[in-house]
C-alpha atoms as a PDB file:
ATOM      1  CA  MET A   1     -29.018 -11.367 -22.443  1.00  0.00           C
ATOM      2  CA  SER A   2     -27.417 -14.210 -20.482  1.00  0.00           C
ATOM      3  CA  THR A   3     -24.729 -14.661 -23.157  1.00  0.00           C
ATOM      4  CA  VAL A   4     -23.787 -10.993 -22.804  1.00  0.00           C
ATOM      5  CA  GLN A   5     -23.483 -11.347 -19.020  1.00  0.00           C
ATOM      6  CA  ALA A   6     -21.393 -14.479 -19.408  1.00  0.00           C
ATOM      7  CA  ALA A   7     -19.030 -12.659 -21.773  1.00  0.00           C
ATOM      8  CA  LEU A   8     -18.632  -9.701 -19.393  1.00  0.00           C
ATOM      9  CA  THR A   9     -17.818 -11.645 -16.229  1.00  0.00           C
ATOM     10  CA  LEU A  10     -14.206 -11.771 -15.132  1.00  0.00           C
ATOM     11  CA  ALA A  11     -12.473 -15.048 -14.505  1.00  0.00           C
ATOM     12  CA  GLY A  12     -11.503 -15.625 -10.905  1.00  0.00           C
ATOM     13  CA  GLU A  13     -13.144 -15.785  -7.543  1.00  0.00           C
ATOM     14  CA  ARG A  14     -14.340 -13.129  -5.154  1.00  0.00           C
ATOM     15  CA  LYS A  15     -13.187 -13.300  -1.550  1.00  0.00           C
ATOM     16  CA  THR A  16     -14.561 -11.345   1.386  1.00  0.00           C
ATOM     17  CA  GLY A  17     -14.323 -11.292   5.129  1.00  0.00           C
ATOM     18  CA  GLN A  18     -11.785 -11.012   7.893  1.00  0.00           C
ATOM     19  CA  SER A  19      -9.032 -12.982   6.128  1.00  0.00           C
ATOM     20  CA  VAL A  20      -9.059 -10.633   3.130  1.00  0.00           C
ATOM     21  CA  ARG A  21      -9.083  -7.594   5.402  1.00  0.00           C
ATOM     22  CA  THR A  22      -6.102  -8.963   7.307  1.00  0.00           C
ATOM     23  CA  GLN A  23      -4.233  -9.680   4.051  1.00  0.00           C
ATOM     24  CA  ASN A  24      -4.844  -6.105   2.901  1.00  0.00           C
ATOM     25  CA  VAL A  25      -3.531  -4.696   6.178  1.00  0.00           C
ATOM     26  CA  MET A  26      -0.470  -6.950   5.984  1.00  0.00           C
ATOM     27  CA  ALA A  27       0.232  -5.784   2.418  1.00  0.00           C
ATOM     28  CA  ALA A  28      -0.009  -2.145   3.498  1.00  0.00           C
ATOM     29  CA  SER A  29       2.229  -2.826   6.493  1.00  0.00           C
ATOM     30  CA  SER A  30       4.790  -4.481   4.243  1.00  0.00           C
ATOM     31  CA  ILE A  31       4.971  -1.416   2.028  1.00  0.00           C
ATOM     32  CA  ALA A  32       5.291   0.818   5.099  1.00  0.00           C
ATOM     33  CA  ASN A  33       8.055  -1.377   6.535  1.00  0.00           C
ATOM     34  CA  ILE A  34      10.031  -1.064   3.314  1.00  0.00           C
ATOM     35  CA  VAL A  35      10.159   2.736   3.504  1.00  0.00           C
ATOM     36  CA  LYS A  36      10.049   3.145   7.303  1.00  0.00           C
ATOM     37  CA  SER A  37      13.797   2.807   7.781  1.00  0.00           C
ATOM     38  CA  SER A  38      14.468   5.601   5.270  1.00  0.00           C
ATOM     39  CA  LEU A  39      12.442   8.181   7.249  1.00  0.00           C
ATOM     40  CA  GLY A  40      14.061  11.201   8.817  1.00  0.00           C
ATOM     41  CA  PRO A  41      17.488  12.798   8.795  1.00  0.00           C
ATOM     42  CA  VAL A  42      19.227   9.603   9.906  1.00  0.00           C
ATOM     43  CA  GLY A  43      17.225   7.401   7.528  1.00  0.00           C
ATOM     44  CA  LEU A  44      19.012   4.572   5.815  1.00  0.00           C
ATOM     45  CA  ASP A  45      19.644   4.472   2.086  1.00  0.00           C
ATOM     46  CA  LYS A  46      18.103   1.670   0.038  1.00  0.00           C
ATOM     47  CA  MET A  47      19.856  -0.002  -2.865  1.00  0.00           C
ATOM     48  CA  LEU A  48      17.428  -1.110  -5.557  1.00  0.00           C
ATOM     49  CA  VAL A  49      18.418  -3.214  -8.567  1.00  0.00           C
ATOM     50  CA  ASP A  50      16.018  -3.469 -11.504  1.00  0.00           C
ATOM     51  CA  ASP A  51      15.637  -6.234 -14.113  1.00  0.00           C
ATOM     52  CA  VAL A  52      18.319  -4.776 -16.369  1.00  0.00           C
ATOM     53  CA  GLY A  53      20.790  -4.485 -13.504  1.00  0.00           C
ATOM     54  CA  ASP A  54      20.680  -0.727 -13.020  1.00  0.00           C
ATOM     55  CA  VAL A  55      21.385   0.188  -9.414  1.00  0.00           C
ATOM     56  CA  THR A  56      19.596   3.026  -7.625  1.00  0.00           C
ATOM     57  CA  ILE A  57      20.653   4.148  -4.157  1.00  0.00           C
ATOM     58  CA  THR A  58      18.192   6.475  -2.435  1.00  0.00           C
ATOM     59  CA  ASN A  59      16.408   7.248   0.803  1.00  0.00           C
ATOM     60  CA  ASP A  60      13.534   9.056  -0.922  1.00  0.00           C
ATOM     61  CA  GLY A  61      10.258   7.252  -0.257  1.00  0.00           C
ATOM     62  CA  ALA A  62       8.717   8.307  -3.575  1.00  0.00           C
ATOM     63  CA  THR A  63      11.644   6.896  -5.550  1.00  0.00           C
ATOM     64  CA  ILE A  64      11.681   3.657  -3.567  1.00  0.00           C
ATOM     65  CA  LEU A  65       7.972   3.075  -4.072  1.00  0.00           C
ATOM     66  CA  GLN A  66       8.120   4.052  -7.741  1.00  0.00           C
ATOM     67  CA  LEU A  67      10.799   1.441  -8.411  1.00  0.00           C
ATOM     68  CA  LEU A  68       8.979  -1.350  -6.579  1.00  0.00           C
ATOM     69  CA  GLU A  69       6.945  -3.812  -8.623  1.00  0.00           C
ATOM     70  CA  VAL A  70       3.813  -4.034  -6.483  1.00  0.00           C
ATOM     71  CA  GLU A  71       1.053  -6.480  -7.432  1.00  0.00           C
ATOM     72  CA  HIS A  72      -1.244  -6.531  -4.399  1.00  0.00           C
ATOM     73  CA  PRO A  73      -4.202  -4.131  -4.885  1.00  0.00           C
ATOM     74  CA  ALA A  74      -4.082  -2.704  -1.356  1.00  0.00           C
ATOM     75  CA  ALA A  75      -0.341  -2.141  -1.599  1.00  0.00           C
ATOM     76  CA  LYS A  76      -0.826  -0.445  -4.979  1.00  0.00           C
ATOM     77  CA  VAL A  77      -3.178   2.027  -3.298  1.00  0.00           C
ATOM     78  CA  LEU A  78      -0.384   3.074  -0.934  1.00  0.00           C
ATOM     79  CA  VAL A  79       2.061   3.443  -3.813  1.00  0.00           C
ATOM     80  CA  GLU A  80      -0.479   5.623  -5.642  1.00  0.00           C
ATOM     81  CA  LEU A  81      -1.042   7.602  -2.438  1.00  0.00           C
ATOM     82  CA  ALA A  82       2.676   8.325  -2.228  1.00  0.00           C
ATOM     83  CA  ALA A  83       2.788   9.328  -5.898  1.00  0.00           C
ATOM     84  CA  LEU A  84      -0.097  11.755  -5.397  1.00  0.00           C
ATOM     85  CA  GLN A  85       1.556  13.205  -2.288  1.00  0.00           C
ATOM     86  CA  ASP A  86       4.768  13.723  -4.249  1.00  0.00           C
ATOM     87  CA  GLU A  87       2.866  15.302  -7.139  1.00  0.00           C
ATOM     88  CA  GLU A  88       0.781  17.675  -5.006  1.00  0.00           C
ATOM     89  CA  VAL A  89       3.212  18.611  -2.233  1.00  0.00           C
ATOM     90  CA  GLY A  90       6.595  17.293  -3.311  1.00  0.00           C
ATOM     91  CA  ASP A  91       7.464  15.906   0.120  1.00  0.00           C
ATOM     92  CA  GLY A  92       6.126  13.651   2.854  1.00  0.00           C
ATOM     93  CA  THR A  93       5.646  10.498   0.808  1.00  0.00           C
ATOM     94  CA  THR A  94       7.246   8.222   3.394  1.00  0.00           C
ATOM     95  CA  SER A  95       5.253   9.784   6.222  1.00  0.00           C
ATOM     96  CA  VAL A  96       1.972   9.439   4.336  1.00  0.00           C
ATOM     97  CA  VAL A  97       2.564   5.744   3.677  1.00  0.00           C
ATOM     98  CA  ILE A  98       3.528   5.036   7.291  1.00  0.00           C
ATOM     99  CA  VAL A  99       0.533   6.937   8.709  1.00  0.00           C
ATOM    100  CA  ALA A 100      -1.895   5.236   6.297  1.00  0.00           C
ATOM    101  CA  ALA A 101      -0.553   1.786   7.174  1.00  0.00           C
ATOM    102  CA  GLU A 102      -0.859   2.494  10.908  1.00  0.00           C
ATOM    103  CA  LEU A 103      -4.420   3.750  10.458  1.00  0.00           C
ATOM    104  CA  LEU A 104      -5.286   0.531   8.631  1.00  0.00           C
ATOM    105  CA  LYS A 105      -3.702  -1.590  11.390  1.00  0.00           C
ATOM    106  CA  ASN A 106      -5.661   0.223  14.081  1.00  0.00           C
ATOM    107  CA  ALA A 107      -8.892   0.045  12.089  1.00  0.00           C
ATOM    108  CA  ASP A 108      -8.397  -3.696  11.596  1.00  0.00           C
ATOM    109  CA  GLU A 109      -8.034  -4.164  15.344  1.00  0.00           C
ATOM    110  CA  LEU A 110     -11.258  -2.235  15.950  1.00  0.00           C
ATOM    111  CA  VAL A 111     -13.106  -4.347  13.387  1.00  0.00           C
ATOM    112  CA  LYS A 112     -11.840  -7.471  15.153  1.00  0.00           C
ATOM    113  CA  GLN A 113     -13.440  -6.053  18.322  1.00  0.00           C
ATOM    114  CA  LYS A 114     -16.790  -6.031  16.464  1.00  0.00           C
ATOM    115  CA  ILE A 115     -16.908  -2.270  15.829  1.00  0.00           C
ATOM    116  CA  HIS A 116     -18.598  -1.520  12.513  1.00  0.00           C
ATOM    117  CA  PRO A 117     -16.330   0.003   9.832  1.00  0.00           C
ATOM    118  CA  THR A 118     -18.733   2.909   9.339  1.00  0.00           C
ATOM    119  CA  SER A 119     -18.303   3.858  13.001  1.00  0.00           C
ATOM    120  CA  ILE A 120     -14.522   3.672  12.653  1.00  0.00           C
ATOM    121  CA  ILE A 121     -14.482   6.018   9.671  1.00  0.00           C
ATOM    122  CA  ALA A 122     -16.718   8.536  11.426  1.00  0.00           C
END
């Protein structure tokens, strides 16, 4: 039985605590900052260049996030959130990402003030 468990474990280390929480919030804030300037009627266009050299100019949050190569797990959640918003509603992807990132920032501050996460969610 122990050989089966050894074969099923993933290589790497598990991290927990305040530092990981802060890193997750910073990753979400980074994604929100990327699309924040493209929000609204006077939003700025973004020019994205992929590996091949194709250039895309857009101010659509869904397109911007789709073309990003995101590796951080918390940031990927926001990209998936925007994709689901675009799929279900067709609009509001930038707003959803910005609101989610702000909620995470505020929740992180409350956790730093020793408020339990379960109380924050409720």
